[in-house]
Amino acid sequence: MATINCKNCETNFQGNFCPNCGQSAKIHAINAATFLHDIPHDILHIDKGFPYTFVQMLLRPGLTLKAYLEGKRIKHFRPFAYVVIMSAISSFLIHWNRELITHIYKERGVAIVFREGFFVKYQSAFIFLMIPLVSVFTWLVFRKKTYHFWEHVLINTYMAAQLNLLLILMELFSLVMALIEVNIRAEFLQLPFFIAVFMTYYSFTFSALMMDGYKKKFDWKLFWLLTAMCFFLGTLYATGMITAGVTASWRVK
């Protein structure tokens, strides 16, 4: 029987699973069939990979995604399950935060009302639905690079999950403003904050993904591609969030 080199830990072994790390010997390519096939498996099989994936996507997202696409997957939480759980956590914390804001203003004898709309109540759904559109654009921008479309879908699925953190921070910002009674409309600061962090995160991630090793010279072509991509995506997200009412979802009566 031929030996297999584990793509996760590089151990040579025979059989179906690596004896060192436990990863399967069969690493499927990222394509439409495998991506869609993994969805029910992702939801039904919850393991210990969530904290590891969360920390890695926070601190070193580009290198983490590159390693995953190269086959080092045993430690990682699967993408669809990850974005679903992050969205659920985000929705719960945002709901709790709004209840607290309502209580704070009620104690002051002031009533507030939240805007109506699906995306106002479920802000993370907006982030989730943006995945296909963003994936098409990032794939077109970097179509001459290594990764094909479905790999871009996977990349943007993981990144969309992390964007839920920004939604939580935006809501917490509204809470802080309510606590200290700052008389500034939240959307004037929420949206610029979201876009600035969003563009930084995407630039940081895709620069690591698209770098061809460690070049001594600064890659101006990559720099301008990243700048144009992030500017377009930032504008797209800002327009969508304003239209959907994701920011500043409440007002004083």
Protein backbone atom coordinates (compact mmCIF):
# COMPACT_ATOMS: atom_id res chain seq x y z
CA MET A 1 0.00 0.00 0.00
CA ALA A 2 1.33 3.43 -0.94
CA THR A 3 2.11 5.92 1.79
CA ILE A 4 0.27 9.22 2.05
CA ASN A 5 1.69 12.55 3.17
CA CYS A 6 -0.74 14.27 5.57
CA LYS A 7 -1.47 17.79 4.35
CA ASN A 8 -2.18 18.95 7.88
CA CYS A 9 0.94 17.78 9.78
CA GLU A 10 3.05 16.28 6.94
CA THR A 11 3.25 12.82 8.56
CA ASN A 12 3.76 9.89 6.17
CA PHE A 13 1.24 7.11 6.84
CA GLN A 14 -0.88 4.34 5.38
CA GLY A 15 -4.64 4.11 5.79
CA ASN A 16 -7.65 6.39 5.84
CA PHE A 17 -6.67 8.72 8.70
CA CYS A 18 -3.42 10.26 9.85
CA PRO A 19 -2.23 8.54 13.06
CA ASN A 20 -0.63 11.77 14.27
CA CYS A 21 -3.40 14.37 13.91
CA GLY A 22 -6.44 12.37 12.79
CA GLN A 23 -7.11 14.18 9.52
CA SER A 24 -8.67 12.16 6.73
CA ALA A 25 -6.40 10.95 3.96
CA LYS A 26 -8.98 12.13 1.43
CA ILE A 27 -8.90 15.90 1.08
CA HIS A 28 -11.53 16.98 -1.39
CA ALA A 29 -11.05 19.98 -3.65
CA ILE A 30 -13.17 23.03 -2.87
CA ASN A 31 -15.92 23.09 -5.51
CA ALA A 32 -19.69 23.39 -5.79
CA ALA A 33 -20.38 19.74 -5.03
CA THR A 34 -18.22 19.48 -1.90
CA PHE A 35 -19.22 22.91 -0.61
CA LEU A 36 -22.95 22.16 -0.83
CA HIS A 37 -22.47 18.58 0.42
CA ASP A 38 -20.77 19.86 3.59
CA ILE A 39 -23.70 22.09 4.65
CA PRO A 40 -25.82 19.43 6.45
CA HIS A 41 -22.65 17.86 7.89
CA ASP A 42 -21.48 21.24 9.18
CA ILE A 43 -24.73 21.88 11.02
CA LEU A 44 -25.07 18.43 12.60
CA HIS A 45 -21.45 17.88 13.68
CA ILE A 46 -20.25 20.39 16.27
CA ASP A 47 -16.74 19.71 17.57
CA LYS A 48 -13.95 21.53 19.40
CA GLY A 49 -12.75 23.56 16.43
CA PHE A 50 -14.87 26.66 17.07
CA PRO A 51 -12.60 28.47 19.60
CA TYR A 52 -9.50 27.70 17.54
CA THR A 53 -11.09 28.97 14.31
CA PHE A 54 -12.39 32.10 16.03
CA VAL A 55 -8.98 33.06 17.43
CA GLN A 56 -7.11 32.26 14.20
CA MET A 57 -9.59 34.20 12.05
CA LEU A 58 -9.22 37.12 14.42
CA LEU A 59 -5.42 37.21 14.64
CA ARG A 60 -4.12 35.72 11.36
CA PRO A 61 -7.05 35.31 8.95
CA GLY A 62 -5.09 35.29 5.68
CA LEU A 63 -2.55 32.66 6.73
CA THR A 64 -5.30 30.60 8.38
CA LEU A 65 -7.41 30.53 5.22
CA LYS A 66 -4.38 29.77 3.06
CA ALA A 67 -3.51 26.80 5.31
CA TYR A 68 -7.11 25.57 5.18
CA LEU A 69 -7.20 25.74 1.38
CA GLU A 70 -3.91 23.86 1.22
CA GLY A 71 -5.44 20.99 3.20
CA LYS A 72 -4.69 21.75 6.88
CA ARG A 73 -8.28 21.42 8.11
CA ILE A 74 -8.42 19.08 11.10
CA LYS A 75 -8.40 21.88 13.72
CA HIS A 76 -10.84 24.17 11.94
CA PHE A 77 -14.57 24.54 12.34
CA ARG A 78 -16.31 24.07 9.00
CA PRO A 79 -17.27 27.29 7.20
CA PHE A 80 -21.05 27.02 6.93
CA ALA A 81 -21.49 25.92 10.54
CA TYR A 82 -19.13 28.66 11.63
CA VAL A 83 -21.03 31.48 9.94
CA VAL A 84 -24.38 30.12 11.19
CA ILE A 85 -23.20 29.95 14.80
CA MET A 86 -21.52 33.35 14.66
CA SER A 87 -24.73 34.81 13.21
CA ALA A 88 -26.80 33.22 15.98
CA ILE A 89 -24.47 34.59 18.66
CA SER A 90 -24.59 38.02 17.05
CA SER A 91 -28.40 38.02 16.86
CA PHE A 92 -28.71 37.00 20.51
CA LEU A 93 -26.27 39.64 21.80
CA ILE A 94 -27.79 42.39 19.64
CA HIS A 95 -31.28 41.53 20.91
CA TRP A 96 -30.02 41.56 24.51
CA ASN A 97 -28.24 44.89 23.94
CA ARG A 98 -31.37 46.51 22.53
CA GLU A 99 -33.42 45.34 25.49
CA LEU A 100 -30.84 46.98 27.76
CA ILE A 101 -30.90 50.24 25.79
CA THR A 102 -34.70 50.29 25.96
CA HIS A 103 -34.54 49.76 29.73
CA ILE A 104 -31.99 52.58 30.17
CA TYR A 105 -34.16 55.11 28.36
CA LYS A 106 -37.31 53.86 30.12
CA GLU A 107 -35.66 54.56 33.48
CA ARG A 108 -35.14 58.13 32.30
CA GLY A 109 -38.77 58.45 31.27
CA VAL A 110 -37.93 58.39 27.57
CA ALA A 111 -39.45 55.93 25.12
CA ILE A 112 -37.56 54.68 22.09
CA VAL A 113 -38.82 52.82 19.06
CA PHE A 114 -36.93 50.42 16.80
CA ARG A 115 -37.37 50.53 13.06
CA GLU A 116 -39.36 47.80 11.39
CA GLY A 117 -37.81 45.40 8.89
CA PHE A 118 -36.24 41.98 8.60
CA PHE A 119 -32.65 43.24 8.36
CA VAL A 120 -33.16 45.58 11.29
CA LYS A 121 -34.04 42.62 13.49
CA TYR A 122 -31.60 40.17 11.91
CA GLN A 123 -28.58 42.23 10.91
CA SER A 124 -26.39 39.15 10.51
CA ALA A 125 -28.71 37.96 7.71
CA PHE A 126 -27.56 40.93 5.64
CA ILE A 127 -23.91 39.88 6.08
CA PHE A 128 -24.77 36.28 5.18
CA LEU A 129 -26.64 37.21 2.01
CA MET A 130 -23.71 39.33 0.86
CA ILE A 131 -21.42 36.28 0.64
CA PRO A 132 -22.24 35.26 -2.98
CA LEU A 133 -22.01 38.82 -4.31
CA VAL A 134 -18.74 39.56 -2.51
CA SER A 135 -17.33 36.21 -3.65
CA VAL A 136 -18.05 36.98 -7.29
CA PHE A 137 -16.26 40.30 -6.98
CA THR A 138 -13.17 39.03 -5.13
CA TRP A 139 -12.90 36.15 -7.61
CA LEU A 140 -13.05 38.57 -10.57
CA VAL A 141 -10.44 40.85 -9.02
CA PHE A 142 -8.04 37.97 -8.38
CA ARG A 143 -9.13 35.65 -11.21
CA LYS A 144 -5.52 35.29 -12.40
CA LYS A 145 -4.38 34.14 -8.96
CA THR A 146 -4.49 30.68 -7.39
CA TYR A 147 -8.04 30.34 -6.11
CA HIS A 148 -11.17 29.50 -8.10
CA PHE A 149 -14.70 30.74 -7.42
CA TRP A 150 -15.80 28.18 -4.82
CA GLU A 151 -12.62 28.74 -2.86
CA HIS A 152 -13.52 32.44 -2.81
CA VAL A 153 -16.97 31.46 -1.49
CA LEU A 154 -15.28 29.57 1.34
CA ILE A 155 -12.93 32.48 2.07
CA ASN A 156 -15.78 34.99 2.21
CA THR A 157 -17.95 32.66 4.29
CA TYR A 158 -15.32 32.58 7.04
CA MET A 159 -14.81 36.34 6.76
CA ALA A 160 -18.55 37.05 6.86
CA ALA A 161 -18.71 35.12 10.12
CA GLN A 162 -16.09 37.44 11.61
CA LEU A 163 -17.98 40.53 10.43
CA ASN A 164 -20.64 39.65 12.98
CA LEU A 165 -18.17 40.91 15.57
CA LEU A 166 -18.40 44.35 13.98
CA LEU A 167 -22.20 44.28 14.20
CA ILE A 168 -21.90 43.47 17.92
CA LEU A 169 -19.39 46.29 18.47
CA MET A 170 -21.66 48.74 16.64
CA GLU A 171 -24.54 47.85 18.96
CA LEU A 172 -22.31 48.08 22.02
CA PHE A 173 -21.27 51.52 20.83
CA SER A 174 -24.93 52.54 20.91
CA LEU A 175 -25.16 51.19 24.46
CA VAL A 176 -22.16 53.25 25.58
CA MET A 177 -23.69 56.37 24.03
CA ALA A 178 -26.94 55.68 25.88
CA LEU A 179 -25.11 55.19 29.18
CA ILE A 180 -23.10 58.39 28.97
CA GLU A 181 -25.96 60.33 27.35
CA VAL A 182 -24.02 61.57 24.34
CA ASN A 183 -26.30 63.60 22.11
CA ILE A 184 -24.95 62.34 18.77
CA ARG A 185 -26.87 60.15 16.35
CA ALA A 186 -25.28 56.71 16.37
CA GLU A 187 -25.22 56.18 12.60
CA PHE A 188 -22.84 59.12 12.14
CA LEU A 189 -20.13 57.08 13.87
CA GLN A 190 -21.31 53.47 13.50
CA LEU A 191 -21.09 53.19 9.72
CA PRO A 192 -17.66 54.86 9.29
CA PHE A 193 -16.34 52.60 12.06
CA PHE A 194 -17.73 49.47 10.37
CA ILE A 195 -16.35 50.39 6.92
CA ALA A 196 -12.91 51.37 8.25
CA VAL A 197 -12.47 48.10 10.16
CA PHE A 198 -14.02 46.10 7.31
CA MET A 199 -11.60 47.51 4.72
CA THR A 200 -8.62 46.98 7.03
CA TYR A 201 -9.62 43.37 7.73
CA TYR A 202 -10.17 42.53 4.06
CA SER A 203 -6.87 44.17 3.03
CA PHE A 204 -4.98 42.32 5.75
CA THR A 205 -6.57 38.97 4.84
CA PHE A 206 -6.31 39.11 1.06
CA SER A 207 -2.76 40.49 1.11
CA ALA A 208 -1.68 37.35 3.00
CA LEU A 209 -3.73 35.11 0.70
CA MET A 210 -2.41 36.57 -2.55
CA MET A 211 1.24 37.17 -1.68
CA ASP A 212 3.58 34.87 -3.62
CA GLY A 213 5.94 34.03 -0.80
CA TYR A 214 7.99 36.80 0.80
CA LYS A 215 8.97 39.39 -1.78
CA LYS A 216 11.72 41.89 -1.08
CA LYS A 217 10.11 44.53 -3.25
CA PHE A 218 6.78 46.10 -2.43
CA ASP A 219 4.04 44.68 -4.68
CA TRP A 220 2.41 47.83 -6.04
CA LYS A 221 0.07 45.90 -8.33
CA LEU A 222 -1.32 43.93 -5.39
CA PHE A 223 -1.55 47.12 -3.34
CA TRP A 224 -3.70 48.88 -5.95
CA LEU A 225 -5.84 45.79 -6.51
CA LEU A 226 -6.52 45.55 -2.77
CA THR A 227 -7.23 49.29 -2.54
CA ALA A 228 -9.72 49.19 -5.41
CA MET A 229 -11.36 46.00 -4.13
CA CYS A 230 -11.77 47.28 -0.57
CA PHE A 231 -13.06 50.66 -1.72
CA PHE A 232 -15.69 49.01 -3.91
CA LEU A 233 -16.73 46.48 -1.26
CA GLY A 234 -16.79 49.17 1.43
CA THR A 235 -19.08 51.31 -0.74
CA LEU A 236 -21.25 48.27 -1.51
CA TYR A 237 -21.63 47.37 2.15
CA ALA A 238 -22.29 50.98 3.19
CA THR A 239 -24.99 51.40 0.55
CA GLY A 240 -26.60 48.08 1.45
CA MET A 241 -26.52 48.74 5.19
CA ILE A 242 -28.10 52.17 4.81
CA THR A 243 -30.77 50.83 2.43
CA ALA A 244 -31.56 47.84 4.65
CA GLY A 245 -31.59 49.97 7.80
CA VAL A 246 -28.88 47.93 9.50
CA THR A 247 -27.37 50.97 11.25
CA ALA A 248 -29.16 53.27 13.68
CA SER A 249 -32.18 51.00 13.98
CA TRP A 250 -33.84 52.95 16.81
CA ARG A 251 -34.89 56.51 17.58
CA VAL A 252 -36.34 58.46 20.50
CA LYS A 253 -40.08 59.02 20.22
